[in-house]
Amino acid sequence: MRDEARTWHQQDLDVFDDRVLTLAAGDAYTLSGCQETHYVAAVADHGGKTHTDLLVYLPAEDRVTGLRLRRDRLVTVQRPPR
């Protein structure tokens, strides 16, 4: 994830607003109120009724952490074209 985060800004990316439930490993996203880009390393639980558990890399802190976000929360997604 560190290597991917370093080159992310150089890639052609689709950027769009969507809900947390659409995030997949390899995506990057930002939340309202937080300018730091989060890189999704893994989606631990897509099946939860209200929340999605993510493993994300935070380059500013150079660490991987687990997050639990509401599935319907709006995020700005950055994804290489598929």
C-alpha atoms as a PDB file:
ATOM      1  CA  MET A   1       0.000   0.000   0.000  1.00  0.00           C
ATOM      2  CA  ARG A   2       2.887   2.387   0.630  1.00  0.00           C
ATOM      3  CA  ASP A   3       4.148   1.981  -2.939  1.00  0.00           C
ATOM      4  CA  GLU A   4       0.649   2.400  -4.344  1.00  0.00           C
ATOM      5  CA  ALA A   5       0.008   5.498  -2.230  1.00  0.00           C
ATOM      6  CA  ARG A   6       3.232   7.118  -3.481  1.00  0.00           C
ATOM      7  CA  THR A   7       2.178   6.826  -7.134  1.00  0.00           C
ATOM      8  CA  TRP A   8      -1.591   7.259  -6.758  1.00  0.00           C
ATOM      9  CA  HIS A   9      -1.598  10.922  -7.910  1.00  0.00           C
ATOM     10  CA  GLN A  10       0.207   9.914 -11.139  1.00  0.00           C
ATOM     11  CA  GLN A  11      -2.463   7.423 -12.235  1.00  0.00           C
ATOM     12  CA  ASP A  12      -5.524   8.053 -14.364  1.00  0.00           C
ATOM     13  CA  LEU A  13      -8.345   7.862 -11.848  1.00  0.00           C
ATOM     14  CA  ASP A  14     -12.099   7.929 -11.924  1.00  0.00           C
ATOM     15  CA  VAL A  15     -13.208  10.291  -9.149  1.00  0.00           C
ATOM     16  CA  PHE A  16     -16.814  10.226  -8.005  1.00  0.00           C
ATOM     17  CA  ASP A  17     -18.999  10.549  -4.938  1.00  0.00           C
ATOM     18  CA  ASP A  18     -20.581   7.347  -3.673  1.00  0.00           C
ATOM     19  CA  ARG A  19     -21.415   5.481  -0.481  1.00  0.00           C
ATOM     20  CA  VAL A  20     -18.988   3.547   1.731  1.00  0.00           C
ATOM     21  CA  LEU A  21     -20.692   0.278   0.784  1.00  0.00           C
ATOM     22  CA  THR A  22     -19.230   0.549  -2.748  1.00  0.00           C
ATOM     23  CA  LEU A  23     -15.577   0.688  -1.630  1.00  0.00           C
ATOM     24  CA  ALA A  24     -13.282  -2.150  -2.675  1.00  0.00           C
ATOM     25  CA  ALA A  25      -9.650  -3.049  -2.057  1.00  0.00           C
ATOM     26  CA  GLY A  26      -7.428  -0.802  -4.168  1.00  0.00           C
ATOM     27  CA  ASP A  27      -9.725   2.220  -3.921  1.00  0.00           C
ATOM     28  CA  ALA A  28      -8.778   5.469  -2.256  1.00  0.00           C
ATOM     29  CA  TYR A  29     -11.286   7.786  -0.640  1.00  0.00           C
ATOM     30  CA  THR A  30     -11.722  10.950   1.375  1.00  0.00           C
ATOM     31  CA  LEU A  31     -14.374  11.777   3.954  1.00  0.00           C
ATOM     32  CA  SER A  32     -16.023  15.128   4.466  1.00  0.00           C
ATOM     33  CA  GLY A  33     -14.184  16.986   7.187  1.00  0.00           C
ATOM     34  CA  CYS A  34     -10.925  15.064   6.596  1.00  0.00           C
ATOM     35  CA  GLN A  35      -8.590  15.971   3.745  1.00  0.00           C
ATOM     36  CA  GLU A  36      -6.355  12.926   4.194  1.00  0.00           C
ATOM     37  CA  THR A  37      -6.682  10.260   1.525  1.00  0.00           C
ATOM     38  CA  HIS A  38      -7.390   6.760   2.857  1.00  0.00           C
ATOM     39  CA  TYR A  39      -6.233   3.778   0.763  1.00  0.00           C
ATOM     40  CA  VAL A  40      -8.374   0.667   1.117  1.00  0.00           C
ATOM     41  CA  ALA A  41      -6.165  -2.367   1.729  1.00  0.00           C
ATOM     42  CA  ALA A  42      -9.065  -4.732   2.446  1.00  0.00           C
ATOM     43  CA  VAL A  43     -12.779  -4.740   3.036  1.00  0.00           C
ATOM     44  CA  ALA A  44     -13.289  -6.904   6.083  1.00  0.00           C
ATOM     45  CA  ASP A  45     -17.089  -6.873   6.146  1.00  0.00           C
ATOM     46  CA  HIS A  46     -19.363  -5.869   3.291  1.00  0.00           C
ATOM     47  CA  GLY A  47     -22.271  -7.800   4.762  1.00  0.00           C
ATOM     48  CA  GLY A  48     -23.000  -5.702   7.827  1.00  0.00           C
ATOM     49  CA  LYS A  49     -26.431  -4.117   7.960  1.00  0.00           C
ATOM     50  CA  THR A  50     -25.317  -0.662   9.088  1.00  0.00           C
ATOM     51  CA  HIS A  51     -21.505  -0.567   8.933  1.00  0.00           C
ATOM     52  CA  THR A  52     -18.625  -1.644   6.707  1.00  0.00           C
ATOM     53  CA  ASP A  53     -15.289  -2.613   8.264  1.00  0.00           C
ATOM     54  CA  LEU A  54     -12.222  -1.505   6.305  1.00  0.00           C
ATOM     55  CA  LEU A  55      -8.481  -1.944   6.639  1.00  0.00           C
ATOM     56  CA  VAL A  56      -6.931   1.276   5.344  1.00  0.00           C
ATOM     57  CA  TYR A  57      -3.483   2.731   4.835  1.00  0.00           C
ATOM     58  CA  LEU A  58      -2.960   6.329   5.983  1.00  0.00           C
ATOM     59  CA  PRO A  59       0.146   7.701   4.236  1.00  0.00           C
ATOM     60  CA  ALA A  60       0.416  10.864   6.370  1.00  0.00           C
ATOM     61  CA  GLU A  61       0.822   8.651   9.439  1.00  0.00           C
ATOM     62  CA  ASP A  62       2.442   5.758   7.521  1.00  0.00           C
ATOM     63  CA  ARG A  63       0.226   3.214   9.235  1.00  0.00           C
ATOM     64  CA  VAL A  64      -2.482   0.673   8.538  1.00  0.00           C
ATOM     65  CA  THR A  65      -5.581   0.795  10.706  1.00  0.00           C
ATOM     66  CA  GLY A  66      -9.035  -0.670  10.900  1.00  0.00           C
ATOM     67  CA  LEU A  67     -12.069   1.568  10.459  1.00  0.00           C
ATOM     68  CA  ARG A  68     -15.781   1.001  10.835  1.00  0.00           C
ATOM     69  CA  LEU A  69     -17.896   3.381   8.772  1.00  0.00           C
ATOM     70  CA  ARG A  70     -21.621   3.658   8.217  1.00  0.00           C
ATOM     71  CA  ARG A  71     -22.465   1.945   4.935  1.00  0.00           C
ATOM     72  CA  ASP A  72     -24.518   4.900   3.728  1.00  0.00           C
ATOM     73  CA  ARG A  73     -21.865   7.562   4.478  1.00  0.00           C
ATOM     74  CA  LEU A  74     -20.958   9.621   1.422  1.00  0.00           C
ATOM     75  CA  VAL A  75     -17.285   9.547   0.392  1.00  0.00           C
ATOM     76  CA  THR A  76     -15.301  10.774  -2.597  1.00  0.00           C
ATOM     77  CA  VAL A  77     -13.904   7.653  -4.256  1.00  0.00           C
ATOM     78  CA  GLN A  78     -10.746   7.521  -6.374  1.00  0.00           C
ATOM     79  CA  ARG A  79     -10.458   4.363  -8.448  1.00  0.00           C
ATOM     80  CA  PRO A  80      -8.359   3.351 -11.452  1.00  0.00           C
ATOM     81  CA  PRO A  81     -10.652   2.798 -14.447  1.00  0.00           C
ATOM     82  CA  ARG A  82     -11.866  -0.797 -14.592  1.00  0.00           C
END
